[in-house]
Amino acid sequence: MSKARTSTLPVKGHDHVQGSLDAPYVLLEYGDYQCPYCGEAHGAVKEIQECLGDELCFAYRHFPLVEIHSHAEHAAEAAESASAQGRFWEMHDALYENQEALEDDDLANYAAELGLDSQRLIAEVRSGAHAARIQEDVWSGEKNEVNGTPMFFVNGELFDGEPTSEALISALKERAE
């Protein structure tokens, strides 16, 4: 019998979190902004958030698959730069909603559309200013045996199934703390 993989729950002040850390349902995603499966899961997460509202804590950790997604690292850098300017979730959504356009010029355009300092964002992306922060998420994922994206943990336990809104909601309710 294989051991169930678990993950630390979202960490206040480190993880990007929507909702209360005390919520009865906790969904943690390791994702890659260029991964088409993560793009599909992004829609499912939005549905889950709408359905569960204040009862859900959603946390996101970067896990760019740089060997197969050439723009994943810069997209994660852009999200972190946006975070430094107080707009992580807006950039997060823009990246997933525009996965086909993740060149540096595209990232600068999204920043401008969000009212961010796009020159600062691109300078930070190109210099790898947030690489250490992203690497912390990758190491966390590797420690928790994440081997692809999207990978979800439901109330700290690996979700091993198709990441549809229905399946994830069912798992959240079954594994509520």
C-alpha atoms as a PDB file:
ATOM      1  CA  MET A   1       0.000   0.000   0.000  1.00  0.00           C
ATOM      2  CA  SER A   2       1.465   3.347  -1.007  1.00  0.00           C
ATOM      3  CA  LYS A   3       1.836   6.184   1.427  1.00  0.00           C
ATOM      4  CA  ALA A   4      -0.498   9.136   0.764  1.00  0.00           C
ATOM      5  CA  ARG A   5       1.382  12.272  -0.220  1.00  0.00           C
ATOM      6  CA  THR A   6       0.673  15.274   1.920  1.00  0.00           C
ATOM      7  CA  SER A   7       1.757  18.879   1.759  1.00  0.00           C
ATOM      8  CA  THR A   8       2.158  21.589   4.293  1.00  0.00           C
ATOM      9  CA  LEU A   9      -0.917  23.728   4.300  1.00  0.00           C
ATOM     10  CA  PRO A  10      -0.688  27.318   3.058  1.00  0.00           C
ATOM     11  CA  VAL A  11       1.712  29.472   5.029  1.00  0.00           C
ATOM     12  CA  LYS A  12       0.627  32.951   6.071  1.00  0.00           C
ATOM     13  CA  GLY A  13       2.968  35.586   4.709  1.00  0.00           C
ATOM     14  CA  HIS A  14       4.547  33.234   2.179  1.00  0.00           C
ATOM     15  CA  ASP A  15       1.903  31.643   0.001  1.00  0.00           C
ATOM     16  CA  HIS A  16      -0.407  33.515  -2.304  1.00  0.00           C
ATOM     17  CA  VAL A  17      -3.763  32.930  -0.642  1.00  0.00           C
ATOM     18  CA  GLN A  18      -7.362  33.839  -1.355  1.00  0.00           C
ATOM     19  CA  GLY A  19      -9.682  33.305   1.590  1.00  0.00           C
ATOM     20  CA  SER A  20      -9.040  32.634   5.237  1.00  0.00           C
ATOM     21  CA  LEU A  21      -6.400  30.153   6.345  1.00  0.00           C
ATOM     22  CA  ASP A  22      -9.020  29.013   8.870  1.00  0.00           C
ATOM     23  CA  ALA A  23     -11.540  28.071   6.179  1.00  0.00           C
ATOM     24  CA  PRO A  24     -12.910  24.513   6.414  1.00  0.00           C
ATOM     25  CA  TYR A  25     -11.836  23.753   2.845  1.00  0.00           C
ATOM     26  CA  VAL A  26      -8.220  24.277   1.776  1.00  0.00           C
ATOM     27  CA  LEU A  27      -7.122  23.853  -1.832  1.00  0.00           C
ATOM     28  CA  LEU A  28      -3.432  24.207  -2.699  1.00  0.00           C
ATOM     29  CA  GLU A  29      -2.284  24.207  -6.320  1.00  0.00           C
ATOM     30  CA  TYR A  30       1.176  23.799  -7.790  1.00  0.00           C
ATOM     31  CA  GLY A  31       0.912  25.333 -11.234  1.00  0.00           C
ATOM     32  CA  ASP A  32       2.672  26.471 -14.386  1.00  0.00           C
ATOM     33  CA  TYR A  33       1.258  29.438 -16.304  1.00  0.00           C
ATOM     34  CA  GLN A  34       2.092  27.915 -19.689  1.00  0.00           C
ATOM     35  CA  CYS A  35       0.645  24.473 -18.938  1.00  0.00           C
ATOM     36  CA  PRO A  36      -2.606  23.966 -20.874  1.00  0.00           C
ATOM     37  CA  TYR A  37      -3.924  21.612 -18.184  1.00  0.00           C
ATOM     38  CA  CYS A  38      -3.354  24.320 -15.576  1.00  0.00           C
ATOM     39  CA  GLY A  39      -5.287  26.687 -17.829  1.00  0.00           C
ATOM     40  CA  GLU A  40      -8.219  24.286 -17.779  1.00  0.00           C
ATOM     41  CA  ALA A  41      -7.914  23.833 -14.021  1.00  0.00           C
ATOM     42  CA  HIS A  42      -7.914  27.627 -13.570  1.00  0.00           C
ATOM     43  CA  GLY A  43     -11.537  27.679 -14.730  1.00  0.00           C
ATOM     44  CA  ALA A  44     -12.394  24.866 -12.314  1.00  0.00           C
ATOM     45  CA  VAL A  45     -10.786  26.752  -9.412  1.00  0.00           C
ATOM     46  CA  LYS A  46     -12.845  29.850 -10.256  1.00  0.00           C
ATOM     47  CA  GLU A  47     -16.020  27.717 -10.183  1.00  0.00           C
ATOM     48  CA  ILE A  48     -15.005  26.205  -6.834  1.00  0.00           C
ATOM     49  CA  GLN A  49     -14.354  29.652  -5.371  1.00  0.00           C
ATOM     50  CA  GLU A  50     -17.761  30.825  -6.541  1.00  0.00           C
ATOM     51  CA  CYS A  51     -19.472  27.728  -5.141  1.00  0.00           C
ATOM     52  CA  LEU A  52     -17.735  27.586  -1.746  1.00  0.00           C
ATOM     53  CA  GLY A  53     -17.166  31.310  -1.190  1.00  0.00           C
ATOM     54  CA  ASP A  54     -15.808  32.151   2.268  1.00  0.00           C
ATOM     55  CA  GLU A  55     -15.573  28.460   3.180  1.00  0.00           C
ATOM     56  CA  LEU A  56     -12.584  28.026   0.827  1.00  0.00           C
ATOM     57  CA  CYS A  57      -8.942  28.926   1.236  1.00  0.00           C
ATOM     58  CA  PHE A  58      -7.148  28.706  -2.126  1.00  0.00           C
ATOM     59  CA  ALA A  59      -3.364  28.903  -2.278  1.00  0.00           C
ATOM     60  CA  TYR A  60      -1.092  28.929  -5.310  1.00  0.00           C
ATOM     61  CA  ARG A  61       2.529  27.830  -5.581  1.00  0.00           C
ATOM     62  CA  HIS A  62       4.720  28.128  -8.651  1.00  0.00           C
ATOM     63  CA  PHE A  63       6.001  24.999 -10.342  1.00  0.00           C
ATOM     64  CA  PRO A  64       7.214  26.117 -13.782  1.00  0.00           C
ATOM     65  CA  LEU A  65       8.095  23.195 -16.016  1.00  0.00           C
ATOM     66  CA  VAL A  66      10.948  25.031 -17.708  1.00  0.00           C
ATOM     67  CA  GLU A  67      12.147  22.008 -19.686  1.00  0.00           C
ATOM     68  CA  ILE A  68       8.929  21.957 -21.730  1.00  0.00           C
ATOM     69  CA  HIS A  69       7.444  25.443 -21.275  1.00  0.00           C
ATOM     70  CA  SER A  70       9.870  28.107 -22.431  1.00  0.00           C
ATOM     71  CA  HIS A  71       7.821  31.016 -21.043  1.00  0.00           C
ATOM     72  CA  ALA A  72       6.813  29.484 -17.708  1.00  0.00           C
ATOM     73  CA  GLU A  73       9.680  30.957 -15.684  1.00  0.00           C
ATOM     74  CA  HIS A  74       9.177  34.503 -16.981  1.00  0.00           C
ATOM     75  CA  ALA A  75       5.431  34.220 -16.417  1.00  0.00           C
ATOM     76  CA  ALA A  76       6.038  33.183 -12.800  1.00  0.00           C
ATOM     77  CA  GLU A  77       8.505  36.070 -12.447  1.00  0.00           C
ATOM     78  CA  ALA A  78       5.836  38.436 -13.804  1.00  0.00           C
ATOM     79  CA  ALA A  79       3.327  37.154 -11.247  1.00  0.00           C
ATOM     80  CA  GLU A  80       5.841  37.717  -8.446  1.00  0.00           C
ATOM     81  CA  SER A  81       6.699  41.188  -9.730  1.00  0.00           C
ATOM     82  CA  ALA A  82       2.982  41.986  -9.796  1.00  0.00           C
ATOM     83  CA  SER A  83       2.794  40.653  -6.229  1.00  0.00           C
ATOM     84  CA  ALA A  84       5.525  43.084  -5.192  1.00  0.00           C
ATOM     85  CA  GLN A  85       3.265  45.806  -6.622  1.00  0.00           C
ATOM     86  CA  GLY A  86       0.209  44.450  -4.776  1.00  0.00           C
ATOM     87  CA  ARG A  87      -1.539  42.784  -7.734  1.00  0.00           C
ATOM     88  CA  PHE A  88      -0.594  39.086  -7.741  1.00  0.00           C
ATOM     89  CA  TRP A  89      -4.078  37.680  -8.304  1.00  0.00           C
ATOM     90  CA  GLU A  90      -4.889  40.060 -11.134  1.00  0.00           C
ATOM     91  CA  MET A  91      -1.681  39.068 -12.965  1.00  0.00           C
ATOM     92  CA  HIS A  92      -2.256  35.396 -12.096  1.00  0.00           C
ATOM     93  CA  ASP A  93      -5.642  35.537 -13.818  1.00  0.00           C
ATOM     94  CA  ALA A  94      -4.294  37.501 -16.799  1.00  0.00           C
ATOM     95  CA  LEU A  95      -1.548  34.924 -17.359  1.00  0.00           C
ATOM     96  CA  TYR A  96      -3.936  31.983 -17.294  1.00  0.00           C
ATOM     97  CA  GLU A  97      -6.466  33.761 -19.475  1.00  0.00           C
ATOM     98  CA  ASN A  98      -3.772  34.558 -22.076  1.00  0.00           C
ATOM     99  CA  GLN A  99      -1.605  31.440 -22.095  1.00  0.00           C
ATOM    100  CA  GLU A 100      -1.019  31.707 -25.832  1.00  0.00           C
ATOM    101  CA  ALA A 101       0.746  35.062 -25.376  1.00  0.00           C
ATOM    102  CA  LEU A 102       3.469  34.944 -22.710  1.00  0.00           C
ATOM    103  CA  GLU A 103       6.392  36.712 -24.405  1.00  0.00           C
ATOM    104  CA  ASP A 104       8.024  39.492 -22.396  1.00  0.00           C
ATOM    105  CA  ASP A 105       6.185  42.147 -24.455  1.00  0.00           C
ATOM    106  CA  ASP A 106       2.897  40.441 -23.593  1.00  0.00           C
ATOM    107  CA  LEU A 107       3.802  40.419 -19.900  1.00  0.00           C
ATOM    108  CA  ALA A 108       4.563  44.156 -20.083  1.00  0.00           C
ATOM    109  CA  ASN A 109       1.187  44.752 -21.758  1.00  0.00           C
ATOM    110  CA  TYR A 110      -0.678  42.845 -19.038  1.00  0.00           C
ATOM    111  CA  ALA A 111       1.171  44.860 -16.403  1.00  0.00           C
ATOM    112  CA  ALA A 112       0.200  48.116 -18.094  1.00  0.00           C
ATOM    113  CA  GLU A 113      -3.426  46.987 -18.405  1.00  0.00           C
ATOM    114  CA  LEU A 114      -3.426  46.248 -14.667  1.00  0.00           C
ATOM    115  CA  GLY A 115      -2.006  49.669 -13.848  1.00  0.00           C
ATOM    116  CA  LEU A 116       1.368  48.286 -12.793  1.00  0.00           C
ATOM    117  CA  ASP A 117       4.792  49.724 -13.500  1.00  0.00           C
ATOM    118  CA  SER A 118       5.446  47.644 -16.618  1.00  0.00           C
ATOM    119  CA  GLN A 119       9.073  48.780 -16.984  1.00  0.00           C
ATOM    120  CA  ARG A 120       9.792  47.662 -13.433  1.00  0.00           C
ATOM    121  CA  LEU A 121       8.010  44.373 -14.042  1.00  0.00           C
ATOM    122  CA  ILE A 122      10.016  43.576 -17.180  1.00  0.00           C
ATOM    123  CA  ALA A 123      13.286  44.596 -15.536  1.00  0.00           C
ATOM    124  CA  GLU A 124      12.513  42.264 -12.637  1.00  0.00           C
ATOM    125  CA  VAL A 125      11.461  39.448 -14.977  1.00  0.00           C
ATOM    126  CA  ARG A 126      14.624  39.708 -17.062  1.00  0.00           C
ATOM    127  CA  SER A 127      16.937  39.968 -14.038  1.00  0.00           C
ATOM    128  CA  GLY A 128      15.321  37.051 -12.207  1.00  0.00           C
ATOM    129  CA  ALA A 129      14.604  39.304  -9.239  1.00  0.00           C
ATOM    130  CA  HIS A 130      12.066  36.844  -7.835  1.00  0.00           C
ATOM    131  CA  ALA A 131      13.809  33.602  -8.824  1.00  0.00           C
ATOM    132  CA  ALA A 132      14.566  32.664  -5.210  1.00  0.00           C
ATOM    133  CA  ARG A 133      10.878  33.014  -4.262  1.00  0.00           C
ATOM    134  CA  ILE A 134       9.827  30.819  -7.184  1.00  0.00           C
ATOM    135  CA  GLN A 135      12.537  28.278  -6.354  1.00  0.00           C
ATOM    136  CA  GLU A 136      11.171  27.991  -2.798  1.00  0.00           C
ATOM    137  CA  ASP A 137       7.841  26.870  -4.279  1.00  0.00           C
ATOM    138  CA  VAL A 138       9.586  24.434  -6.630  1.00  0.00           C
ATOM    139  CA  TRP A 139      11.573  22.925  -3.737  1.00  0.00           C
ATOM    140  CA  SER A 140       8.374  22.634  -1.715  1.00  0.00           C
ATOM    141  CA  GLY A 141       6.791  20.830  -4.639  1.00  0.00           C
ATOM    142  CA  GLU A 142       9.746  18.504  -5.076  1.00  0.00           C
ATOM    143  CA  LYS A 143       9.674  17.731  -1.346  1.00  0.00           C
ATOM    144  CA  ASN A 144       6.004  16.814  -1.771  1.00  0.00           C
ATOM    145  CA  GLU A 145       6.742  14.679  -4.854  1.00  0.00           C
ATOM    146  CA  VAL A 146       5.060  17.037  -7.302  1.00  0.00           C
ATOM    147  CA  ASN A 147       6.007  15.743 -10.738  1.00  0.00           C
ATOM    148  CA  GLY A 148       3.678  17.641 -13.041  1.00  0.00           C
ATOM    149  CA  THR A 149       1.087  20.339 -13.206  1.00  0.00           C
ATOM    150  CA  PRO A 150      -1.480  21.064 -12.147  1.00  0.00           C
ATOM    151  CA  MET A 151      -1.076  19.234  -8.862  1.00  0.00           C
ATOM    152  CA  PHE A 152      -3.621  19.852  -6.124  1.00  0.00           C
ATOM    153  CA  PHE A 153      -3.601  19.146  -2.416  1.00  0.00           C
ATOM    154  CA  VAL A 154      -6.979  19.055  -0.677  1.00  0.00           C
ATOM    155  CA  ASN A 155      -6.811  19.883   3.023  1.00  0.00           C
ATOM    156  CA  GLY A 156      -3.149  18.853   2.912  1.00  0.00           C
ATOM    157  CA  GLU A 157      -3.645  15.565   1.068  1.00  0.00           C
ATOM    158  CA  LEU A 158      -2.747  14.869  -2.558  1.00  0.00           C
ATOM    159  CA  PHE A 159      -5.735  14.962  -4.887  1.00  0.00           C
ATOM    160  CA  ASP A 160      -5.290  12.143  -7.379  1.00  0.00           C
ATOM    161  CA  GLY A 161      -7.941  12.636  -9.998  1.00  0.00           C
ATOM    162  CA  GLU A 162      -9.188  14.767 -12.848  1.00  0.00           C
ATOM    163  CA  PRO A 163      -9.154  18.371 -11.551  1.00  0.00           C
ATOM    164  CA  THR A 164     -12.727  19.274 -12.418  1.00  0.00           C
ATOM    165  CA  SER A 165     -14.721  21.564 -10.168  1.00  0.00           C
ATOM    166  CA  GLU A 166     -17.088  18.722  -9.276  1.00  0.00           C
ATOM    167  CA  ALA A 167     -14.317  16.282  -8.370  1.00  0.00           C
ATOM    168  CA  LEU A 168     -12.362  18.840  -6.353  1.00  0.00           C
ATOM    169  CA  ILE A 169     -15.450  20.036  -4.448  1.00  0.00           C
ATOM    170  CA  SER A 170     -16.322  16.440  -3.644  1.00  0.00           C
ATOM    171  CA  ALA A 171     -12.791  15.767  -2.383  1.00  0.00           C
ATOM    172  CA  LEU A 172     -12.797  18.997  -0.345  1.00  0.00           C
ATOM    173  CA  LYS A 173     -16.031  18.007   1.376  1.00  0.00           C
ATOM    174  CA  GLU A 174     -14.854  14.430   1.997  1.00  0.00           C
ATOM    175  CA  ARG A 175     -11.551  15.561   3.493  1.00  0.00           C
ATOM    176  CA  ALA A 176     -12.772  18.547   5.487  1.00  0.00           C
ATOM    177  CA  GLU A 177     -10.825  18.983   8.710  1.00  0.00           C
END
